[in-house]
Amino acid sequence: MRHSIVVPAALALLGGAGVMVATTTYAQTQGMERRDERRDNRQGSRAQKQACKAGDEKTRAECRQQKRDTKQEGRPVNSPPKSG
């Protein structure tokens, strides 16, 4: 008789834990996603500049311009300009 209570209780506990894990994985806000995109964009532009500098065929100014272009390509089209 005791086993008839333990099994459903254990299943309910496991089911509840599964729901909690599933809901926490999708708890990111849009702001967090945009921040991650900006970080990825910056990292990509840094890698672009390092690769340019390692090549030795371009000047520092050309490498900086490539970095700027890479960052600009990663920006959303309708983002408002920063003030300040």
PDB file of N, CA and C in Angstrom:
ATOM      1  N   MET A   1       0.810  -1.183   0.000  1.00  0.00           N
ATOM      2  CA  MET A   1       0.000   0.000   0.000  1.00  0.00           C
ATOM      3  C   MET A   1       0.858   1.253   0.000  1.00  0.00           C
ATOM      4  N   ARG A   2       1.968   1.179   0.665  1.00  0.00           N
ATOM      5  CA  ARG A   2       2.836   2.332   0.726  1.00  0.00           C
ATOM      6  C   ARG A   2       3.446   2.642  -0.649  1.00  0.00           C
ATOM      7  N   HIS A   3       3.698   1.612  -1.447  1.00  0.00           N
ATOM      8  CA  HIS A   3       4.271   1.817  -2.777  1.00  0.00           C
ATOM      9  C   HIS A   3       3.304   2.548  -3.697  1.00  0.00           C
ATOM     10  N   SER A   4       2.033   2.425  -3.461  1.00  0.00           N
ATOM     11  CA  SER A   4       1.060   3.082  -4.331  1.00  0.00           C
ATOM     12  C   SER A   4       1.083   4.607  -4.146  1.00  0.00           C
ATOM     13  N   ILE A   5       1.598   5.100  -3.049  1.00  0.00           N
ATOM     14  CA  ILE A   5       1.700   6.532  -2.815  1.00  0.00           C
ATOM     15  C   ILE A   5       3.065   7.066  -3.257  1.00  0.00           C
ATOM     16  N   VAL A   6       4.096   6.282  -3.089  1.00  0.00           N
ATOM     17  CA  VAL A   6       5.454   6.724  -3.382  1.00  0.00           C
ATOM     18  C   VAL A   6       5.669   6.919  -4.880  1.00  0.00           C
ATOM     19  N   VAL A   7       5.182   6.022  -5.684  1.00  0.00           N
ATOM     20  CA  VAL A   7       5.423   6.089  -7.127  1.00  0.00           C
ATOM     21  C   VAL A   7       4.787   7.339  -7.742  1.00  0.00           C
ATOM     22  N   PRO A   8       3.521   7.648  -7.502  1.00  0.00           N
ATOM     23  CA  PRO A   8       2.963   8.884  -8.085  1.00  0.00           C
ATOM     24  C   PRO A   8       3.639  10.152  -7.547  1.00  0.00           C
ATOM     25  N   ALA A   9       4.045  10.121  -6.291  1.00  0.00           N
ATOM     26  CA  ALA A   9       4.727  11.286  -5.736  1.00  0.00           C
ATOM     27  C   ALA A   9       6.074  11.503  -6.417  1.00  0.00           C
ATOM     28  N   ALA A  10       6.795  10.439  -6.668  1.00  0.00           N
ATOM     29  CA  ALA A  10       8.088  10.542  -7.345  1.00  0.00           C
ATOM     30  C   ALA A  10       7.907  11.025  -8.779  1.00  0.00           C
ATOM     31  N   LEU A  11       6.886  10.518  -9.448  1.00  0.00           N
ATOM     32  CA  LEU A  11       6.622  10.961 -10.822  1.00  0.00           C
ATOM     33  C   LEU A  11       6.240  12.440 -10.859  1.00  0.00           C
ATOM     34  N   ALA A  12       5.452  12.879  -9.909  1.00  0.00           N
ATOM     35  CA  ALA A  12       5.067  14.287  -9.858  1.00  0.00           C
ATOM     36  C   ALA A  12       6.277  15.174  -9.606  1.00  0.00           C
ATOM     37  N   LEU A  13       7.176  14.735  -8.749  1.00  0.00           N
ATOM     38  CA  LEU A  13       8.392  15.493  -8.458  1.00  0.00           C
ATOM     39  C   LEU A  13       9.279  15.600  -9.694  1.00  0.00           C
ATOM     40  N   LEU A  14       9.461  14.486 -10.386  1.00  0.00           N
ATOM     41  CA  LEU A  14      10.281  14.506 -11.609  1.00  0.00           C
ATOM     42  C   LEU A  14       9.637  15.353 -12.698  1.00  0.00           C
ATOM     43  N   GLY A  15       8.337  15.261 -12.839  1.00  0.00           N
ATOM     44  CA  GLY A  15       7.627  16.066 -13.835  1.00  0.00           C
ATOM     45  C   GLY A  15       7.750  17.548 -13.544  1.00  0.00           C
ATOM     46  N   GLY A  16       7.624  17.924 -12.286  1.00  0.00           N
ATOM     47  CA  GLY A  16       7.760  19.330 -11.909  1.00  0.00           C
ATOM     48  C   GLY A  16       9.155  19.854 -12.157  1.00  0.00           C
ATOM     49  N   ALA A  17      10.159  19.035 -11.882  1.00  0.00           N
ATOM     50  CA  ALA A  17      11.541  19.453 -12.133  1.00  0.00           C
ATOM     51  C   ALA A  17      11.779  19.634 -13.622  1.00  0.00           C
ATOM     52  N   GLY A  18      11.206  18.787 -14.448  1.00  0.00           N
ATOM     53  CA  GLY A  18      11.352  18.916 -15.900  1.00  0.00           C
ATOM     54  C   GLY A  18      10.735  20.196 -16.422  1.00  0.00           C
ATOM     55  N   VAL A  19       9.588  20.578 -15.886  1.00  0.00           N
ATOM     56  CA  VAL A  19       8.933  21.816 -16.298  1.00  0.00           C
ATOM     57  C   VAL A  19       9.766  23.014 -15.871  1.00  0.00           C
ATOM     58  N   MET A  20      10.338  22.964 -14.683  1.00  0.00           N
ATOM     59  CA  MET A  20      11.160  24.083 -14.209  1.00  0.00           C
ATOM     60  C   MET A  20      12.396  24.259 -15.084  1.00  0.00           C
ATOM     61  N   VAL A  21      13.030  23.173 -15.477  1.00  0.00           N
ATOM     62  CA  VAL A  21      14.212  23.262 -16.331  1.00  0.00           C
ATOM     63  C   VAL A  21      13.835  23.813 -17.696  1.00  0.00           C
ATOM     64  N   ALA A  22      12.725  23.375 -18.249  1.00  0.00           N
ATOM     65  CA  ALA A  22      12.295  23.832 -19.572  1.00  0.00           C
ATOM     66  C   ALA A  22      11.958  25.316 -19.560  1.00  0.00           C
ATOM     67  N   THR A  23      11.366  25.816 -18.494  1.00  0.00           N
ATOM     68  CA  THR A  23      10.991  27.219 -18.477  1.00  0.00           C
ATOM     69  C   THR A  23      12.179  28.128 -18.230  1.00  0.00           C
ATOM     70  N   THR A  24      13.196  27.682 -17.515  1.00  0.00           N
ATOM     71  CA  THR A  24      14.341  28.543 -17.265  1.00  0.00           C
ATOM     72  C   THR A  24      15.229  28.691 -18.488  1.00  0.00           C
ATOM     73  N   THR A  25      15.204  27.742 -19.408  1.00  0.00           N
ATOM     74  CA  THR A  25      16.055  27.857 -20.588  1.00  0.00           C
ATOM     75  C   THR A  25      15.535  28.911 -21.559  1.00  0.00           C
ATOM     76  N   TYR A  26      14.262  29.248 -21.499  1.00  0.00           N
ATOM     77  CA  TYR A  26      13.688  30.232 -22.400  1.00  0.00           C
ATOM     78  C   TYR A  26      13.391  31.549 -21.690  1.00  0.00           C
ATOM     79  N   ALA A  27      14.064  31.815 -20.590  1.00  0.00           N
ATOM     80  CA  ALA A  27      13.760  32.995 -19.797  1.00  0.00           C
ATOM     81  C   ALA A  27      14.556  34.225 -20.215  1.00  0.00           C
ATOM     82  N   GLN A  28      15.340  34.155 -21.278  1.00  0.00           N
ATOM     83  CA  GLN A  28      16.113  35.317 -21.695  1.00  0.00           C
ATOM     84  C   GLN A  28      15.200  36.382 -22.280  1.00  0.00           C
ATOM     85  N   THR A  29      15.537  37.613 -22.003  1.00  0.00           N
ATOM     86  CA  THR A  29      14.766  38.727 -22.541  1.00  0.00           C
ATOM     87  C   THR A  29      15.330  39.141 -23.893  1.00  0.00           C
ATOM     88  N   GLN A  30      14.598  39.973 -24.589  1.00  0.00           N
ATOM     89  CA  GLN A  30      15.082  40.468 -25.878  1.00  0.00           C
ATOM     90  C   GLN A  30      16.336  41.299 -25.696  1.00  0.00           C
ATOM     91  N   GLY A  31      16.411  42.041 -24.593  1.00  0.00           N
ATOM     92  CA  GLY A  31      17.600  42.843 -24.334  1.00  0.00           C
ATOM     93  C   GLY A  31      18.839  41.990 -24.175  1.00  0.00           C
ATOM     94  N   MET A  32      18.691  40.843 -23.525  1.00  0.00           N
ATOM     95  CA  MET A  32      19.824  39.935 -23.345  1.00  0.00           C
ATOM     96  C   MET A  32      20.266  39.355 -24.691  1.00  0.00           C
ATOM     97  N   GLU A  33      19.292  39.038 -25.536  1.00  0.00           N
ATOM     98  CA  GLU A  33      19.628  38.503 -26.853  1.00  0.00           C
ATOM     99  C   GLU A  33      20.353  39.559 -27.691  1.00  0.00           C
ATOM    100  N   ARG A  34      19.878  40.809 -27.644  1.00  0.00           N
ATOM    101  CA  ARG A  34      20.548  41.874 -28.401  1.00  0.00           C
ATOM    102  C   ARG A  34      21.959  42.094 -27.888  1.00  0.00           C
ATOM    103  N   ARG A  35      22.148  42.036 -26.569  1.00  0.00           N
ATOM    104  CA  ARG A  35      23.475  42.209 -25.983  1.00  0.00           C
ATOM    105  C   ARG A  35      24.411  41.095 -26.460  1.00  0.00           C
ATOM    106  N   ASP A  36      23.920  39.863 -26.497  1.00  0.00           N
ATOM    107  CA  ASP A  36      24.741  38.758 -26.988  1.00  0.00           C
ATOM    108  C   ASP A  36      25.114  38.948 -28.455  1.00  0.00           C
ATOM    109  N   GLU A  37      24.167  39.458 -29.246  1.00  0.00           N
ATOM    110  CA  GLU A  37      24.462  39.719 -30.655  1.00  0.00           C
ATOM    111  C   GLU A  37      25.540  40.785 -30.804  1.00  0.00           C
ATOM    112  N   ARG A  38      25.461  41.833 -29.976  1.00  0.00           N
ATOM    113  CA  ARG A  38      26.482  42.889 -30.038  1.00  0.00           C
ATOM    114  C   ARG A  38      27.846  42.348 -29.638  1.00  0.00           C
ATOM    115  N   ARG A  39      27.872  41.495 -28.621  1.00  0.00           N
ATOM    116  CA  ARG A  39      29.152  40.906 -28.201  1.00  0.00           C
ATOM    117  C   ARG A  39      29.741  40.056 -29.311  1.00  0.00           C
ATOM    118  N   ASP A  40      28.896  39.260 -29.962  1.00  0.00           N
ATOM    119  CA  ASP A  40      29.374  38.443 -31.078  1.00  0.00           C
ATOM    120  C   ASP A  40      29.875  39.325 -32.207  1.00  0.00           C
ATOM    121  N   ASN A  41      29.170  40.425 -32.455  1.00  0.00           N
ATOM    122  CA  ASN A  41      29.557  41.354 -33.513  1.00  0.00           C
ATOM    123  C   ASN A  41      30.920  41.972 -33.215  1.00  0.00           C
ATOM    124  N   ARG A  42      31.114  42.397 -31.962  1.00  0.00           N
ATOM    125  CA  ARG A  42      32.403  42.987 -31.581  1.00  0.00           C
ATOM    126  C   ARG A  42      33.524  41.961 -31.702  1.00  0.00           C
ATOM    127  N   GLN A  43      33.256  40.740 -31.270  1.00  0.00           N
ATOM    128  CA  GLN A  43      34.287  39.708 -31.349  1.00  0.00           C
ATOM    129  C   GLN A  43      34.645  39.431 -32.807  1.00  0.00           C
ATOM    130  N   GLY A  44      33.652  39.426 -33.683  1.00  0.00           N
ATOM    131  CA  GLY A  44      33.915  39.217 -35.102  1.00  0.00           C
ATOM    132  C   GLY A  44      34.742  40.334 -35.707  1.00  0.00           C
ATOM    133  N   SER A  45      34.463  41.560 -35.308  1.00  0.00           N
ATOM    134  CA  SER A  45      35.230  42.685 -35.842  1.00  0.00           C
ATOM    135  C   SER A  45      36.660  42.675 -35.307  1.00  0.00           C
ATOM    136  N   ARG A  46      36.845  42.251 -34.056  1.00  0.00           N
ATOM    137  CA  ARG A  46      38.206  42.137 -33.514  1.00  0.00           C
ATOM    138  C   ARG A  46      38.995  41.076 -34.281  1.00  0.00           C
ATOM    139  N   ALA A  47      38.346  39.958 -34.562  1.00  0.00           N
ATOM    140  CA  ALA A  47      39.018  38.896 -35.313  1.00  0.00           C
ATOM    141  C   ALA A  47      39.381  39.377 -36.716  1.00  0.00           C
ATOM    142  N   GLN A  48      38.480  40.156 -37.321  1.00  0.00           N
ATOM    143  CA  GLN A  48      38.739  40.712 -38.653  1.00  0.00           C
ATOM    144  C   GLN A  48      39.973  41.611 -38.629  1.00  0.00           C
ATOM    145  N   LYS A  49      40.058  42.468 -37.616  1.00  0.00           N
ATOM    146  CA  LYS A  49      41.189  43.387 -37.518  1.00  0.00           C
ATOM    147  C   LYS A  49      42.493  42.626 -37.268  1.00  0.00           C
ATOM    148  N   GLN A  50      42.471  41.628 -36.396  1.00  0.00           N
ATOM    149  CA  GLN A  50      43.670  40.843 -36.113  1.00  0.00           C
ATOM    150  C   GLN A  50      44.152  40.114 -37.367  1.00  0.00           C
ATOM    151  N   ALA A  51      43.216  39.567 -38.126  1.00  0.00           N
ATOM    152  CA  ALA A  51      43.584  38.875 -39.366  1.00  0.00           C
ATOM    153  C   ALA A  51      44.180  39.860 -40.365  1.00  0.00           C
ATOM    154  N   CYS A  52      43.628  41.056 -40.409  1.00  0.00           N
ATOM    155  CA  CYS A  52      44.142  42.079 -41.309  1.00  0.00           C
ATOM    156  C   CYS A  52      45.561  42.480 -40.916  1.00  0.00           C
ATOM    157  N   LYS A  53      45.769  42.681 -39.619  1.00  0.00           N
ATOM    158  CA  LYS A  53      47.093  43.090 -39.137  1.00  0.00           C
ATOM    159  C   LYS A  53      48.127  41.988 -39.354  1.00  0.00           C
ATOM    160  N   ALA A  54      47.710  40.745 -39.268  1.00  0.00           N
ATOM    161  CA  ALA A  54      48.639  39.626 -39.432  1.00  0.00           C
ATOM    162  C   ALA A  54      49.073  39.477 -40.887  1.00  0.00           C
ATOM    163  N   GLY A  55      48.252  39.980 -41.822  1.00  0.00           N
ATOM    164  CA  GLY A  55      48.550  39.829 -43.237  1.00  0.00           C
ATOM    165  C   GLY A  55      49.677  40.715 -43.734  1.00  0.00           C
ATOM    166  N   ASP A  56      49.932  41.835 -43.101  1.00  0.00           N
ATOM    167  CA  ASP A  56      51.009  42.769 -43.442  1.00  0.00           C
ATOM    168  C   ASP A  56      50.872  43.426 -44.810  1.00  0.00           C
ATOM    169  N   GLU A  57      49.770  43.233 -45.520  1.00  0.00           N
ATOM    170  CA  GLU A  57      49.667  43.886 -46.814  1.00  0.00           C
ATOM    171  C   GLU A  57      48.831  45.167 -46.752  1.00  0.00           C
ATOM    172  N   LYS A  58      48.209  45.439 -45.607  1.00  0.00           N
ATOM    173  CA  LYS A  58      47.391  46.644 -45.477  1.00  0.00           C
ATOM    174  C   LYS A  58      47.923  47.511 -44.354  1.00  0.00           C
ATOM    175  N   THR A  59      47.585  48.802 -44.449  1.00  0.00           N
ATOM    176  CA  THR A  59      48.010  49.737 -43.412  1.00  0.00           C
ATOM    177  C   THR A  59      47.085  49.630 -42.196  1.00  0.00           C
ATOM    178  N   ARG A  60      47.476  50.249 -41.111  1.00  0.00           N
ATOM    179  CA  ARG A  60      46.636  50.251 -39.905  1.00  0.00           C
ATOM    180  C   ARG A  60      45.293  50.903 -40.184  1.00  0.00           C
ATOM    181  N   ALA A  61      45.309  51.980 -40.958  1.00  0.00           N
ATOM    182  CA  ALA A  61      44.064  52.683 -41.266  1.00  0.00           C
ATOM    183  C   ALA A  61      43.113  51.786 -42.063  1.00  0.00           C
ATOM    184  N   GLU A  62      43.653  51.023 -42.992  1.00  0.00           N
ATOM    185  CA  GLU A  62      42.806  50.117 -43.771  1.00  0.00           C
ATOM    186  C   GLU A  62      42.230  49.011 -42.889  1.00  0.00           C
ATOM    187  N   CYS A  63      43.021  48.528 -41.936  1.00  0.00           N
ATOM    188  CA  CYS A  63      42.530  47.500 -41.015  1.00  0.00           C
ATOM    189  C   CYS A  63      41.433  48.061 -40.111  1.00  0.00           C
ATOM    190  N   ARG A  64      41.605  49.294 -39.642  1.00  0.00           N
ATOM    191  CA  ARG A  64      40.576  49.917 -38.810  1.00  0.00           C
ATOM    192  C   ARG A  64      39.290  50.098 -39.602  1.00  0.00           C
ATOM    193  N   GLN A  65      39.419  50.481 -40.866  1.00  0.00           N
ATOM    194  CA  GLN A  65      38.231  50.670 -41.695  1.00  0.00           C
ATOM    195  C   GLN A  65      37.515  49.341 -41.908  1.00  0.00           C
ATOM    196  N   GLN A  66      38.261  48.266 -42.102  1.00  0.00           N
ATOM    197  CA  GLN A  66      37.639  46.952 -42.241  1.00  0.00           C
ATOM    198  C   GLN A  66      36.893  46.574 -40.973  1.00  0.00           C
ATOM    199  N   LYS A  67      37.481  46.884 -39.817  1.00  0.00           N
ATOM    200  CA  LYS A  67      36.823  46.596 -38.547  1.00  0.00           C
ATOM    201  C   LYS A  67      35.525  47.384 -38.443  1.00  0.00           C
ATOM    202  N   ARG A  68      35.559  48.660 -38.799  1.00  0.00           N
ATOM    203  CA  ARG A  68      34.350  49.491 -38.756  1.00  0.00           C
ATOM    204  C   ARG A  68      33.274  48.934 -39.685  1.00  0.00           C
ATOM    205  N   ASP A  69      33.691  48.552 -40.886  1.00  0.00           N
ATOM    206  CA  ASP A  69      32.738  48.004 -41.849  1.00  0.00           C
ATOM    207  C   ASP A  69      32.102  46.720 -41.319  1.00  0.00           C
ATOM    208  N   THR A  70      32.899  45.872 -40.682  1.00  0.00           N
ATOM    209  CA  THR A  70      32.379  44.628 -40.120  1.00  0.00           C
ATOM    210  C   THR A  70      31.371  44.917 -39.018  1.00  0.00           C
ATOM    211  N   LYS A  71      31.679  45.873 -38.161  1.00  0.00           N
ATOM    212  CA  LYS A  71      30.745  46.224 -37.089  1.00  0.00           C
ATOM    213  C   LYS A  71      29.467  46.829 -37.665  1.00  0.00           C
ATOM    214  N   GLN A  72      29.601  47.672 -38.695  1.00  0.00           N
ATOM    215  CA  GLN A  72      28.434  48.311 -39.298  1.00  0.00           C
ATOM    216  C   GLN A  72      27.522  47.283 -39.937  1.00  0.00           C
ATOM    217  N   GLU A  73      28.091  46.264 -40.561  1.00  0.00           N
ATOM    218  CA  GLU A  73      27.282  45.219 -41.185  1.00  0.00           C
ATOM    219  C   GLU A  73      26.484  44.445 -40.139  1.00  0.00           C
ATOM    220  N   GLY A  74      27.003  44.330 -38.936  1.00  0.00           N
ATOM    221  CA  GLY A  74      26.326  43.580 -37.889  1.00  0.00           C
ATOM    222  C   GLY A  74      25.234  44.349 -37.182  1.00  0.00           C
ATOM    223  N   ARG A  75      25.141  45.637 -37.417  1.00  0.00           N
ATOM    224  CA  ARG A  75      24.130  46.445 -36.743  1.00  0.00           C
ATOM    225  C   ARG A  75      22.777  46.282 -37.418  1.00  0.00           C
ATOM    226  N   PRO A  76      21.703  46.362 -36.631  1.00  0.00           N
ATOM    227  CA  PRO A  76      20.369  46.307 -37.226  1.00  0.00           C
ATOM    228  C   PRO A  76      20.117  47.534 -38.086  1.00  0.00           C
ATOM    229  N   VAL A  77      19.282  47.382 -39.083  1.00  0.00           N
ATOM    230  CA  VAL A  77      19.028  48.462 -40.032  1.00  0.00           C
ATOM    231  C   VAL A  77      18.290  49.610 -39.386  1.00  0.00           C
ATOM    232  N   ASN A  78      17.326  49.339 -38.528  1.00  0.00           N
ATOM    233  CA  ASN A  78      16.485  50.412 -37.992  1.00  0.00           C
ATOM    234  C   ASN A  78      16.833  50.783 -36.561  1.00  0.00           C
ATOM    235  N   SER A  79      18.081  50.637 -36.175  1.00  0.00           N
ATOM    236  CA  SER A  79      18.458  51.014 -34.806  1.00  0.00           C
ATOM    237  C   SER A  79      18.672  52.529 -34.736  1.00  0.00           C
ATOM    238  N   PRO A  80      18.166  53.159 -33.677  1.00  0.00           N
ATOM    239  CA  PRO A  80      18.341  54.604 -33.554  1.00  0.00           C
ATOM    240  C   PRO A  80      19.791  54.930 -33.190  1.00  0.00           C
ATOM    241  N   PRO A  81      20.280  56.081 -33.633  1.00  0.00           N
ATOM    242  CA  PRO A  81      21.660  56.453 -33.286  1.00  0.00           C
ATOM    243  C   PRO A  81      21.784  56.740 -31.800  1.00  0.00           C
ATOM    244  N   LYS A  82      22.972  56.478 -31.268  1.00  0.00           N
ATOM    245  CA  LYS A  82      23.223  56.748 -29.856  1.00  0.00           C
ATOM    246  C   LYS A  82      23.388  58.249 -29.656  1.00  0.00           C
ATOM    247  N   SER A  83      22.869  58.746 -28.569  1.00  0.00           N
ATOM    248  CA  SER A  83      23.069  60.160 -28.254  1.00  0.00           C
ATOM    249  C   SER A  83      24.096  60.269 -27.155  1.00  0.00           C
ATOM    250  N   GLY A  84      24.945  61.267 -27.255  1.00  0.00           N
ATOM    251  CA  GLY A  84      25.830  61.526 -26.160  1.00  0.00           C
ATOM    252  C   GLY A  84      27.201  61.180 -26.393  1.00  0.00           C
TER     253      GLY A  84
END
